[in-house]
Amino acid sequence: MPEPRAVLFDFDGVIADTENVHVAAWERTFALMGLDVPPEQCSKAAELDDRPFLAEILEGKGIEGGAIDGWVGRKQQLAAAMLRDEPRLYPGVVGLIRRLQDRASLAVVSTARRGDVALVLSAGGIADAFGAMVGKEDVSNTKPDPEPYRTALERLGLAAEEAVAIEDSAAGLASARGAGIRCLAVGHRHGMGVWVGESPFLEDLADEEAVLEALGFVD
């Protein structure tokens, strides 16, 4: 198998651990709103977009006309400030990306907001390494639909067989496979399980040599 010409990275859970930042930003926002929202409800912010999440919280409390857009904007400002101060990149990511950027085209394929992705990459000093970025605003259908990965391939001008994707979830793996891209599953938040399928699995990205080998690069 020839070396890949592109490596496509999922963002949250692969490059950075930002999930808890968004939960914390909502906790601070609810404090400003004077709302008592239990931690287990705040944790759902990691699963839903900001507007439907806040709408669900307000509906559950019987609050109408809660200035959703304004409070969502405030939450996003808080999250951006936290990510700018501490981008929360996983160990090994920066070194891996620096080694890969001279050997292949790199892209981020995420269901996160493009602005959040760009902010973290910039704060982490690796934004220059990526030739393409696909965020949730760029597609009509997010993962597990293959559209995000097909969009990335179009932007890079490459075929599916020329790329490899790094993912940390069943939905992400399904999206990449649906676009015809082979995958590497990385644990970080999850142990090896049925979600991995037939893809090779690494617990993390700290061992650069192991990652390069799993991606198909041969020195």
Protein backbone atom coordinates (compact mmCIF):
# COMPACT_ATOMS: atom_id res chain seq x y z
CA MET A 1 0.00 0.00 0.00
CA PRO A 2 1.46 3.40 -0.95
CA GLU A 3 1.94 6.02 1.71
CA PRO A 4 -1.15 8.23 2.16
CA ARG A 5 -1.10 11.63 0.51
CA ALA A 6 -3.43 13.10 3.14
CA VAL A 7 -4.21 12.64 6.81
CA LEU A 8 -7.65 13.82 7.91
CA PHE A 9 -8.03 14.53 11.61
CA ASP A 10 -11.19 14.63 13.64
CA PHE A 11 -10.91 17.53 16.08
CA ASP A 12 -12.43 17.07 19.52
CA GLY A 13 -11.21 13.81 21.01
CA VAL A 14 -8.32 13.48 18.54
CA ILE A 15 -6.45 16.79 18.39
CA ALA A 16 -7.83 18.46 21.50
CA ASP A 17 -10.00 17.75 24.53
CA THR A 18 -12.48 20.63 24.43
CA GLU A 19 -15.69 18.90 25.52
CA ASN A 20 -15.40 19.88 29.18
CA VAL A 21 -14.56 23.47 28.24
CA HIS A 22 -17.95 23.90 26.61
CA VAL A 23 -19.68 22.31 29.58
CA ALA A 24 -17.83 24.68 31.95
CA ALA A 25 -18.73 27.66 29.76
CA TRP A 26 -22.39 26.75 30.04
CA GLU A 27 -22.11 26.37 33.81
CA ARG A 28 -20.72 29.91 34.03
CA THR A 29 -23.41 31.20 31.68
CA PHE A 30 -26.20 29.66 33.75
CA ALA A 31 -24.71 31.31 36.85
CA LEU A 32 -24.90 34.66 35.06
CA MET A 33 -28.50 33.89 34.10
CA GLY A 34 -29.36 33.07 37.70
CA LEU A 35 -30.37 29.52 36.76
CA ASP A 36 -29.68 26.43 38.82
CA VAL A 37 -28.82 23.71 36.29
CA PRO A 38 -27.52 20.42 37.76
CA PRO A 39 -24.16 19.08 36.50
CA GLU A 40 -25.79 16.10 34.79
CA GLN A 41 -27.89 18.47 32.68
CA CYS A 42 -24.89 20.68 31.88
CA SER A 43 -23.00 17.61 30.66
CA LYS A 44 -25.54 17.26 27.82
CA ALA A 45 -23.94 20.36 26.29
CA ALA A 46 -21.28 18.02 24.92
CA GLU A 47 -23.93 16.22 22.84
CA LEU A 48 -26.09 19.08 21.52
CA ASP A 49 -25.57 22.30 19.58
CA ASP A 50 -25.72 25.41 21.74
CA ARG A 51 -29.11 26.76 20.65
CA PRO A 52 -31.13 23.54 20.99
CA PHE A 53 -29.34 22.80 24.26
CA LEU A 54 -30.30 26.14 25.81
CA ALA A 55 -33.82 25.93 24.36
CA GLU A 56 -34.25 22.53 26.02
CA ILE A 57 -33.04 23.87 29.39
CA LEU A 58 -35.34 26.90 29.24
CA GLU A 59 -38.31 24.81 28.15
CA GLY A 60 -37.71 22.44 31.06
CA LYS A 61 -37.85 25.39 33.45
CA GLY A 62 -40.96 26.86 31.82
CA ILE A 63 -39.12 29.99 30.66
CA GLU A 64 -40.31 31.65 27.45
CA GLY A 65 -38.55 34.37 25.50
CA GLY A 66 -35.20 33.67 27.14
CA ALA A 67 -33.01 35.67 24.72
CA ILE A 68 -31.46 32.48 23.41
CA ASP A 69 -29.21 34.13 20.81
CA GLY A 70 -27.78 36.56 23.34
CA TRP A 71 -26.97 33.92 25.94
CA VAL A 72 -25.57 31.53 23.34
CA GLY A 73 -23.29 34.34 22.19
CA ARG A 74 -22.17 34.93 25.77
CA LYS A 75 -21.44 31.24 26.28
CA GLN A 76 -19.44 31.09 23.05
CA GLN A 77 -17.40 34.11 24.13
CA LEU A 78 -16.61 32.43 27.45
CA ALA A 79 -15.64 29.17 25.73
CA ALA A 80 -13.44 31.00 23.23
CA ALA A 81 -11.59 32.81 26.00
CA MET A 82 -10.99 29.56 27.87
CA LEU A 83 -9.76 27.75 24.74
CA ARG A 84 -7.50 30.64 23.79
CA ASP A 85 -5.86 30.53 27.21
CA GLU A 86 -5.62 26.73 27.29
CA PRO A 87 -6.13 24.96 23.93
CA ARG A 88 -5.97 21.52 25.62
CA LEU A 89 -4.09 19.71 22.84
CA TYR A 90 -3.48 16.03 23.52
CA PRO A 91 0.09 14.90 24.27
CA GLY A 92 2.05 14.12 21.12
CA VAL A 93 -0.27 15.98 18.75
CA VAL A 94 2.00 18.92 17.97
CA GLY A 95 5.05 16.78 17.27
CA LEU A 96 3.02 14.36 15.15
CA ILE A 97 1.50 17.13 13.05
CA ARG A 98 4.89 18.76 12.49
CA ARG A 99 6.29 15.47 11.23
CA LEU A 100 3.30 14.80 9.01
CA GLN A 101 3.01 18.21 7.39
CA ASP A 102 6.09 17.63 5.23
CA ARG A 103 4.87 14.21 4.11
CA ALA A 104 1.16 14.67 3.42
CA SER A 105 -1.66 17.19 3.13
CA LEU A 106 -3.47 17.66 6.44
CA ALA A 107 -7.09 18.57 7.12
CA VAL A 108 -9.48 18.78 10.04
CA VAL A 109 -12.92 17.21 9.61
CA SER A 110 -15.14 18.08 12.57
CA THR A 111 -18.69 18.50 13.77
CA ALA A 112 -17.52 21.45 15.88
CA ARG A 113 -17.91 25.10 14.91
CA ARG A 114 -15.18 26.10 12.48
CA GLY A 115 -14.36 29.13 14.60
CA ASP A 116 -13.70 26.99 17.68
CA VAL A 117 -11.46 24.65 15.69
CA ALA A 118 -9.48 27.51 14.16
CA LEU A 119 -9.07 29.18 17.56
CA VAL A 120 -7.60 26.05 19.17
CA LEU A 121 -5.30 25.30 16.25
CA SER A 122 -4.04 28.88 16.32
CA ALA A 123 -3.59 28.92 20.10
CA GLY A 124 -1.72 25.63 19.86
CA GLY A 125 0.59 26.97 17.16
CA ILE A 126 -0.38 24.41 14.49
CA ALA A 127 -2.94 26.23 12.32
CA ASP A 128 -0.41 26.64 9.51
CA ALA A 129 -0.09 22.87 9.09
CA PHE A 130 -3.62 22.32 7.79
CA GLY A 131 -4.57 22.85 4.17
CA ALA A 132 -8.31 22.38 4.70
CA MET A 133 -10.86 22.56 7.48
CA VAL A 134 -14.42 21.25 7.45
CA GLY A 135 -16.69 22.34 10.30
CA LYS A 136 -20.37 21.79 10.91
CA GLU A 137 -21.22 24.99 8.98
CA ASP A 138 -19.69 23.52 5.82
CA VAL A 139 -22.03 20.56 5.35
CA SER A 140 -25.72 19.78 5.29
CA ASN A 141 -25.24 16.43 7.00
CA THR A 142 -22.78 15.86 9.83
CA LYS A 143 -21.15 12.60 10.97
CA PRO A 144 -21.95 9.69 10.67
CA ASP A 145 -22.94 10.85 7.17
CA PRO A 146 -19.93 10.70 4.80
CA GLU A 147 -20.47 14.27 3.54
CA PRO A 148 -17.86 15.90 5.85
CA TYR A 149 -15.10 13.60 4.62
CA ARG A 150 -16.17 13.85 1.00
CA THR A 151 -16.06 17.62 1.36
CA ALA A 152 -12.53 17.48 2.75
CA LEU A 153 -11.37 15.28 -0.12
CA GLU A 154 -12.87 17.71 -2.64
CA ARG A 155 -11.09 20.64 -1.02
CA LEU A 156 -7.78 18.80 -1.06
CA GLY A 157 -8.30 17.55 -4.61
CA LEU A 158 -7.59 13.95 -3.62
CA ALA A 159 -9.28 10.57 -3.96
CA ALA A 160 -10.47 8.55 -0.98
CA GLU A 161 -7.83 5.86 -1.45
CA GLU A 162 -5.11 8.51 -1.09
CA ALA A 163 -6.19 9.47 2.44
CA VAL A 164 -6.38 8.09 5.96
CA ALA A 165 -8.59 9.42 8.77
CA ILE A 166 -7.96 9.55 12.51
CA GLU A 167 -11.17 9.25 14.55
CA ASP A 168 -12.24 8.62 18.14
CA SER A 169 -15.90 7.65 17.75
CA ALA A 170 -18.15 5.18 15.98
CA ALA A 171 -19.93 8.03 14.19
CA GLY A 172 -16.67 9.50 12.96
CA LEU A 173 -15.36 6.16 11.76
CA ALA A 174 -18.64 5.49 9.95
CA SER A 175 -18.40 8.89 8.25
CA ALA A 176 -14.87 8.28 6.98
CA ARG A 177 -15.56 4.71 5.91
CA GLY A 178 -18.70 5.83 4.11
CA ALA A 179 -16.50 8.17 2.08
CA GLY A 180 -14.21 5.24 1.24
CA ILE A 181 -11.36 6.34 3.53
CA ARG A 182 -9.44 3.90 5.68
CA CYS A 183 -9.23 4.81 9.36
CA LEU A 184 -7.10 4.77 12.47
CA ALA A 185 -9.06 4.72 15.72
CA VAL A 186 -7.55 6.54 18.70
CA GLY A 187 -8.82 5.98 22.24
CA HIS A 188 -8.02 9.08 24.30
CA ARG A 189 -11.46 9.10 25.99
CA HIS A 190 -12.47 5.52 25.11
CA GLY A 191 -10.98 2.08 25.46
CA MET A 192 -10.87 -0.34 22.59
CA GLY A 193 -14.31 -1.79 21.89
CA VAL A 194 -16.80 -2.71 19.22
CA TRP A 195 -16.88 0.95 18.09
CA VAL A 196 -13.42 0.44 16.55
CA GLY A 197 -14.57 -2.18 14.05
CA GLU A 198 -11.75 -3.46 11.84
CA SER A 199 -9.63 -0.31 12.07
CA PRO A 200 -6.25 -0.36 13.82
CA PHE A 201 -6.45 1.11 17.32
CA LEU A 202 -4.05 3.18 19.42
CA GLU A 203 -4.72 4.31 22.98
CA ASP A 204 -3.32 7.78 22.22
CA LEU A 205 -1.06 9.70 19.84
CA ALA A 206 1.92 10.10 22.17
CA ASP A 207 4.16 7.57 20.38
CA GLU A 208 4.88 9.30 17.06
CA GLU A 209 6.58 6.28 15.50
CA ALA A 210 3.65 3.99 16.33
CA VAL A 211 1.18 6.49 14.88
CA LEU A 212 3.17 6.95 11.67
CA GLU A 213 3.37 3.19 11.20
CA ALA A 214 -0.36 2.75 11.84
CA LEU A 215 -1.13 5.49 9.31
CA GLY A 216 0.96 3.74 6.67
CA PHE A 217 4.11 5.85 6.62
CA VAL A 218 7.39 3.99 6.23
CA ASP A 219 10.76 5.61 6.89
